[in-house]
Protein backbone atom coordinates (compact mmCIF):
# COMPACT_ATOMS: atom_id res chain seq x y z
CA UNK A 1 -0.01 -0.08 -0.03
CA UNK A 2 1.25 3.43 -0.94
CA UNK A 3 0.97 5.56 2.31
CA UNK A 4 0.54 9.24 2.00
CA UNK A 5 0.75 11.65 4.81
CA UNK A 6 -1.13 14.96 4.60
CA UNK A 7 -0.36 17.38 7.50
CA UNK A 8 -3.31 19.70 8.15
CA UNK A 9 -3.66 22.86 10.06
CA UNK A 10 -7.30 23.08 8.65
CA UNK A 11 -6.27 25.85 6.14
CA UNK A 12 -7.34 25.97 2.58
CA UNK A 13 -3.72 25.20 1.50
CA UNK A 14 -3.90 21.87 3.51
CA UNK A 15 -7.20 21.07 1.77
CA UNK A 16 -5.56 21.68 -1.62
CA UNK A 17 -2.96 19.08 -0.53
CA UNK A 18 -5.57 16.62 0.67
CA UNK A 19 -7.35 16.71 -2.75
CA UNK A 20 -4.06 16.00 -4.60
CA UNK A 21 -3.16 13.23 -2.15
CA UNK A 22 -6.49 11.57 -2.62
CA UNK A 23 -5.82 11.64 -6.49
CA UNK A 24 -2.44 10.13 -6.00
CA UNK A 25 -3.85 7.43 -3.70
CA UNK A 26 -6.37 6.46 -6.36
CA UNK A 27 -3.59 6.16 -8.90
CA UNK A 28 -1.34 4.11 -6.58
CA UNK A 29 -3.96 2.08 -4.84
CA UNK A 30 -2.83 3.84 -1.72
CA UNK A 31 -4.23 5.25 1.56
CA UNK A 32 -4.13 8.84 3.06
CA UNK A 33 -3.15 9.57 6.68
CA UNK A 34 -4.57 13.02 7.57
CA UNK A 35 -2.33 14.28 10.29
CA UNK A 36 -2.87 17.27 12.77
CA UNK A 37 0.05 18.09 14.89
CA UNK A 38 -0.57 19.92 18.16
CA UNK A 39 2.44 21.74 19.52
CA UNK A 40 3.09 21.60 23.29
CA UNK A 41 5.83 22.45 25.72
CA UNK A 42 5.74 19.14 27.54
CA UNK A 43 5.22 15.52 26.77
CA UNK A 44 1.72 14.14 26.75
CA UNK A 45 0.32 10.67 26.47
CA UNK A 46 -2.76 11.07 24.34
CA UNK A 47 -3.39 8.32 21.81
CA UNK A 48 -3.62 9.23 18.17
CA UNK A 49 -7.40 9.42 18.12
CA UNK A 50 -8.70 9.54 21.73
CA UNK A 51 -7.49 8.89 25.29
CA UNK A 52 -6.34 11.52 27.51
CA UNK A 53 -5.23 12.66 30.97
CA UNK A 54 -6.53 10.38 33.70
CA UNK A 55 -4.95 12.09 36.77
CA UNK A 56 -7.21 13.93 39.22
CA UNK A 57 -5.22 17.06 38.85
CA UNK A 58 -5.08 18.54 35.31
CA UNK A 59 -3.04 21.71 34.73
CA UNK A 60 -4.36 24.57 32.63
CA UNK A 61 -2.03 23.64 29.92
CA UNK A 62 -3.02 20.04 29.99
CA UNK A 63 -6.80 21.04 29.84
CA UNK A 64 -6.17 23.29 26.94
CA UNK A 65 -4.33 20.54 24.96
CA UNK A 66 -6.97 18.07 25.82
CA UNK A 67 -9.75 20.29 24.69
CA UNK A 68 -7.79 21.16 21.50
CA UNK A 69 -7.37 17.49 20.90
CA UNK A 70 -11.01 16.77 21.09
CA UNK A 71 -11.97 19.70 18.94
CA UNK A 72 -9.45 18.79 16.34
CA UNK A 73 -10.67 15.21 16.21
CA UNK A 74 -14.04 16.65 15.20
CA UNK A 75 -12.56 18.86 12.59
CA UNK A 76 -10.65 15.95 11.04
CA UNK A 77 -13.76 13.90 10.67
CA UNK A 78 -15.56 16.85 9.12
CA UNK A 79 -12.71 17.40 6.68
CA UNK A 80 -12.61 13.87 5.59
CA UNK A 81 -16.38 13.86 5.09
CA UNK A 82 -15.95 16.95 2.95
CA UNK A 83 -13.34 15.55 0.62
CA UNK A 84 -13.41 11.81 0.67
CA UNK A 85 -15.71 10.03 -1.90
CA UNK A 86 -15.54 6.49 -0.53
CA UNK A 87 -12.93 5.08 -2.96
CA UNK A 88 -9.73 5.94 -0.91
CA UNK A 89 -9.21 5.03 2.73
CA UNK A 90 -8.38 8.23 4.93
CA UNK A 91 -7.31 7.73 8.41
CA UNK A 92 -7.28 10.74 10.85
CA UNK A 93 -4.43 11.03 13.29
CA UNK A 94 -3.47 13.56 15.98
CA UNK A 95 0.13 13.93 17.23
CA UNK A 96 1.35 16.12 20.09
CA UNK A 97 4.83 17.17 19.15
CA UNK A 98 6.83 19.95 17.47
CA UNK A 99 5.08 20.48 14.14
CA UNK A 100 7.97 19.79 11.81
CA UNK A 101 9.43 16.93 13.76
CA UNK A 102 5.93 15.55 14.38
CA UNK A 103 5.44 15.02 10.71
CA UNK A 104 8.77 13.24 10.37
CA UNK A 105 8.27 11.08 13.41
CA UNK A 106 4.84 10.05 12.25
CA UNK A 107 6.01 9.23 8.70
CA UNK A 108 8.94 7.14 10.04
CA UNK A 109 6.86 5.21 12.55
CA UNK A 110 4.14 4.27 10.05
CA UNK A 111 6.63 3.64 7.21
CA UNK A 112 4.99 6.13 4.92
CA UNK A 113 5.98 6.73 1.27
CA UNK A 114 5.23 10.41 0.71
CA UNK A 115 4.26 13.59 2.37
CA UNK A 116 1.92 15.90 0.55
CA UNK A 117 1.50 19.40 2.03
CA UNK A 118 0.35 22.89 1.11
CA UNK A 119 2.75 25.79 0.95
CA UNK A 120 2.05 29.58 0.48
CA UNK A 121 5.46 30.27 -1.01
CA UNK A 122 5.79 33.32 1.27
CA UNK A 123 9.30 34.46 1.98
CA UNK A 124 9.40 36.60 5.24
CA UNK A 125 12.52 37.71 7.07
CA UNK A 126 11.88 35.04 9.78
CA UNK A 127 11.38 32.38 7.21
CA UNK A 128 14.78 33.41 5.61
CA UNK A 129 16.60 32.50 8.82
CA UNK A 130 14.37 29.58 9.96
CA UNK A 131 12.43 28.50 7.02
CA UNK A 132 8.70 27.97 7.02
CA UNK A 133 7.13 24.75 8.23
CA UNK A 134 7.11 23.28 4.70
CA UNK A 135 10.74 23.97 4.12
CA UNK A 136 11.76 22.59 7.50
CA UNK A 137 9.67 19.36 6.73
CA UNK A 138 11.59 19.08 3.40
CA UNK A 139 14.94 19.53 5.25
CA UNK A 140 14.33 16.77 7.80
CA UNK A 141 12.04 14.14 6.22
CA UNK A 142 13.59 11.20 4.53
CA UNK A 143 10.72 10.40 2.14
CA UNK A 144 9.51 12.39 -0.88
CA UNK A 145 7.59 15.59 -0.03
CA UNK A 146 5.16 17.00 -2.67
CA UNK A 147 4.32 20.70 -2.03
CA UNK A 148 0.99 22.10 -3.34
CA UNK A 149 0.46 25.82 -3.74
CA UNK A 150 -2.91 26.08 -5.62
CA UNK A 151 -6.09 24.01 -5.98
CA UNK A 152 -5.69 21.28 -8.53
CA UNK A 153 -8.75 19.52 -9.86
CA UNK A 154 -8.33 16.01 -11.35
CA UNK A 155 -4.49 15.90 -10.61
CA UNK A 156 -2.71 14.20 -13.39
CA UNK A 157 1.02 14.06 -14.34
CA UNK A 158 2.26 13.94 -17.89
CA UNK A 159 5.53 15.91 -17.68
CA UNK A 160 8.07 15.96 -14.79
CA UNK A 161 11.08 18.33 -14.92
CA UNK A 162 13.84 16.66 -12.90
CA UNK A 163 16.47 19.20 -11.88
CA UNK A 164 19.83 17.53 -10.87
CA UNK A 165 23.32 18.71 -9.92
CA UNK A 166 24.67 15.34 -11.26
CA UNK A 167 26.07 14.26 -7.81
CA UNK A 168 26.32 10.55 -7.24
CA UNK A 169 24.48 10.81 -3.92
CA UNK A 170 21.26 11.32 -5.88
CA UNK A 171 20.93 7.76 -6.99
CA UNK A 172 18.18 6.72 -4.51
CA UNK A 173 16.43 10.03 -5.27
CA UNK A 174 16.39 9.32 -9.05
CA UNK A 175 14.81 5.96 -8.24
CA UNK A 176 12.08 7.70 -6.10
CA UNK A 177 11.36 10.25 -8.88
CA UNK A 178 11.23 7.57 -11.66
CA UNK A 179 9.02 5.37 -9.50
CA UNK A 180 6.49 8.23 -9.08
CA UNK A 181 6.64 8.92 -12.79
CA UNK A 182 5.86 5.29 -13.72
CA UNK A 183 2.46 5.50 -11.80
CA UNK A 184 1.31 8.12 -14.19
CA UNK A 185 3.24 7.07 -17.36
CA UNK A 186 4.89 10.49 -17.34
CA UNK A 187 7.81 11.68 -19.35
CA UNK A 188 10.79 12.74 -17.26
CA UNK A 189 12.76 15.81 -18.45
CA UNK A 190 16.18 15.81 -16.72
CA UNK A 191 17.81 19.24 -16.70
CA UNK A 192 21.15 20.56 -15.41
CA UNK A 193 22.07 24.22 -15.31
CA UNK A 194 25.72 24.92 -16.08
CA UNK A 195 28.08 27.47 -17.71
CA UNK A 196 29.96 24.61 -19.41
CA UNK A 197 29.52 23.85 -23.04
CA UNK A 198 26.17 22.14 -23.78
CA UNK A 199 27.67 19.10 -25.58
CA UNK A 200 29.96 18.41 -22.60
CA UNK A 201 27.15 18.89 -20.17
CA UNK A 202 24.96 16.50 -22.24
CA UNK A 203 27.60 13.72 -22.12
CA UNK A 204 27.78 14.21 -18.31
CA UNK A 205 24.04 13.94 -18.08
CA UNK A 206 23.85 10.83 -20.26
CA UNK A 207 26.49 9.13 -18.14
CA UNK A 208 24.56 10.21 -14.99
CA UNK A 209 21.37 8.71 -16.37
CA UNK A 210 23.17 5.47 -17.34
CA UNK A 211 24.83 5.16 -13.91
CA UNK A 212 21.65 5.79 -12.09
CA UNK A 213 19.46 3.54 -14.20
CA UNK A 214 16.61 2.13 -12.13
CA UNK A 215 14.24 -0.82 -12.61
CA UNK A 216 11.30 1.59 -13.06
CA UNK A 217 10.27 1.69 -16.72
CA UNK A 218 9.87 5.45 -17.38
CA UNK A 219 8.04 5.88 -20.76
CA UNK A 220 10.50 8.57 -21.83
CA UNK A 221 13.46 10.35 -20.40
CA UNK A 222 14.85 13.50 -22.11
CA UNK A 223 18.19 15.05 -21.48
CA UNK A 224 18.26 18.91 -21.47
CA UNK A 225 21.32 20.86 -20.63
CA UNK A 226 20.73 24.49 -19.80
CA UNK A 227 23.29 27.21 -20.16
CA UNK A 228 23.98 29.74 -17.37
CA UNK A 229 21.60 32.10 -15.58
CA UNK A 230 20.06 31.76 -12.11
CA UNK A 231 19.57 28.14 -11.46
CA UNK A 232 16.05 28.05 -10.12
CA UNK A 233 14.79 30.63 -12.55
CA UNK A 234 16.22 28.65 -15.61
CA UNK A 235 14.65 25.43 -14.29
CA UNK A 236 11.21 27.11 -13.88
CA UNK A 237 11.31 28.81 -17.36
CA UNK A 238 12.08 25.36 -18.78
CA UNK A 239 9.31 23.81 -16.79
CA UNK A 240 6.86 26.41 -18.13
CA UNK A 241 8.05 25.66 -21.76
CA UNK A 242 7.35 21.90 -21.16
CA UNK A 243 3.98 22.59 -19.47
CA UNK A 244 5.36 20.55 -16.53
CA UNK A 245 2.93 19.18 -13.97
CA UNK A 246 5.69 18.61 -11.37
CA UNK A 247 9.18 20.02 -10.84
CA UNK A 248 11.34 17.49 -8.94
CA UNK A 249 14.80 17.67 -7.29
CA UNK A 250 16.99 15.87 -4.83
CA UNK A 251 17.73 17.77 -1.52
CA UNK A 252 21.25 16.91 -0.34
CA UNK A 253 20.37 18.05 3.19
CA UNK A 254 22.69 21.13 3.94
CA UNK A 255 22.71 22.02 7.56
CA UNK A 256 23.67 25.00 9.72
CA UNK A 257 25.55 27.95 8.31
CA UNK A 258 26.06 26.20 4.93
CA UNK A 259 22.29 26.04 4.58
CA UNK A 260 21.80 29.65 5.72
CA UNK A 261 24.19 31.15 3.18
CA UNK A 262 23.75 28.80 0.32
CA UNK A 263 20.30 27.43 0.90
CA UNK A 264 18.73 24.43 -0.92
CA UNK A 265 17.61 24.33 -4.59
CA UNK A 266 14.44 22.36 -3.38
CA UNK A 267 13.47 25.02 -1.01
CA UNK A 268 13.92 27.87 -3.50
CA UNK A 269 11.95 25.97 -6.16
CA UNK A 270 9.13 25.52 -3.48
CA UNK A 271 9.18 29.21 -2.81
CA UNK A 272 9.03 30.25 -6.52
CA UNK A 273 7.23 27.49 -8.39
CA UNK A 274 3.48 27.67 -9.27
CA UNK A 275 3.45 24.01 -10.04
CA UNK A 276 3.87 21.24 -7.39
CA UNK A 277 7.49 20.47 -6.33
CA UNK A 278 8.48 16.96 -5.51
CA UNK A 279 11.54 16.84 -3.23
CA UNK A 280 13.53 13.73 -2.47
CA UNK A 281 15.72 14.10 0.65
CA UNK A 282 19.24 12.58 0.70
CA UNK A 283 21.74 12.94 3.41
CA UNK A 284 25.24 13.90 2.12
CA UNK A 285 27.99 11.31 2.52
């Protein structure tokens, strides 16, 4: 079963993500886990959908979290009733954790295959230094993350633009992207932005594609060297030309100061792309 996690804060953006996740689940014969994460300063022992504090004394914070838990259980059921059409199983869950870590912990515990979540693409000063929730989930989650920015009715995938830096660490990421492409019979357009001569870049890309050949039978793979310019802008312009349904990349997981000053291509794409962005996380070796 293809297990898809949809984090929800009950916003419209998370509803857009839920609709896309349902479409993917139909295509993959999968299930959707609708997850609400409640932040708290202490550790609590609520079960995923029920339970609670049994001690005679309940602090004000305990009481607040318990009441919020009950309220959000009801809101999850209402959300499922609004979007589910009976053909895809949707399971509601509530976790009490840090929001970003909570998504990661949940996905690892239930051995999930993908996270689908909404993003506003906003870029505030705070987000520049800390990243928004979506970017932080991308940074720490070790399964593919698909970000949704706009409502998409009847989600389908015919063209995937896969941006790569041609590093060998990307092998598992290529496998994940091609696996997703095979579900839809989509063409994968591999792109690499470089100031080197296009013919030299093409040879490198062809060697990369051969080295990272996977068992997934992608209907078509095209090789597209792109010359110069700002990397994410060049990728998104190419994606627009190809009428891409998804832009995909492998995140190599920069941390600390390196991440602050250099950033991640995946995160910059998420901020700027109007179409969904599929990010596969890889730890650097």
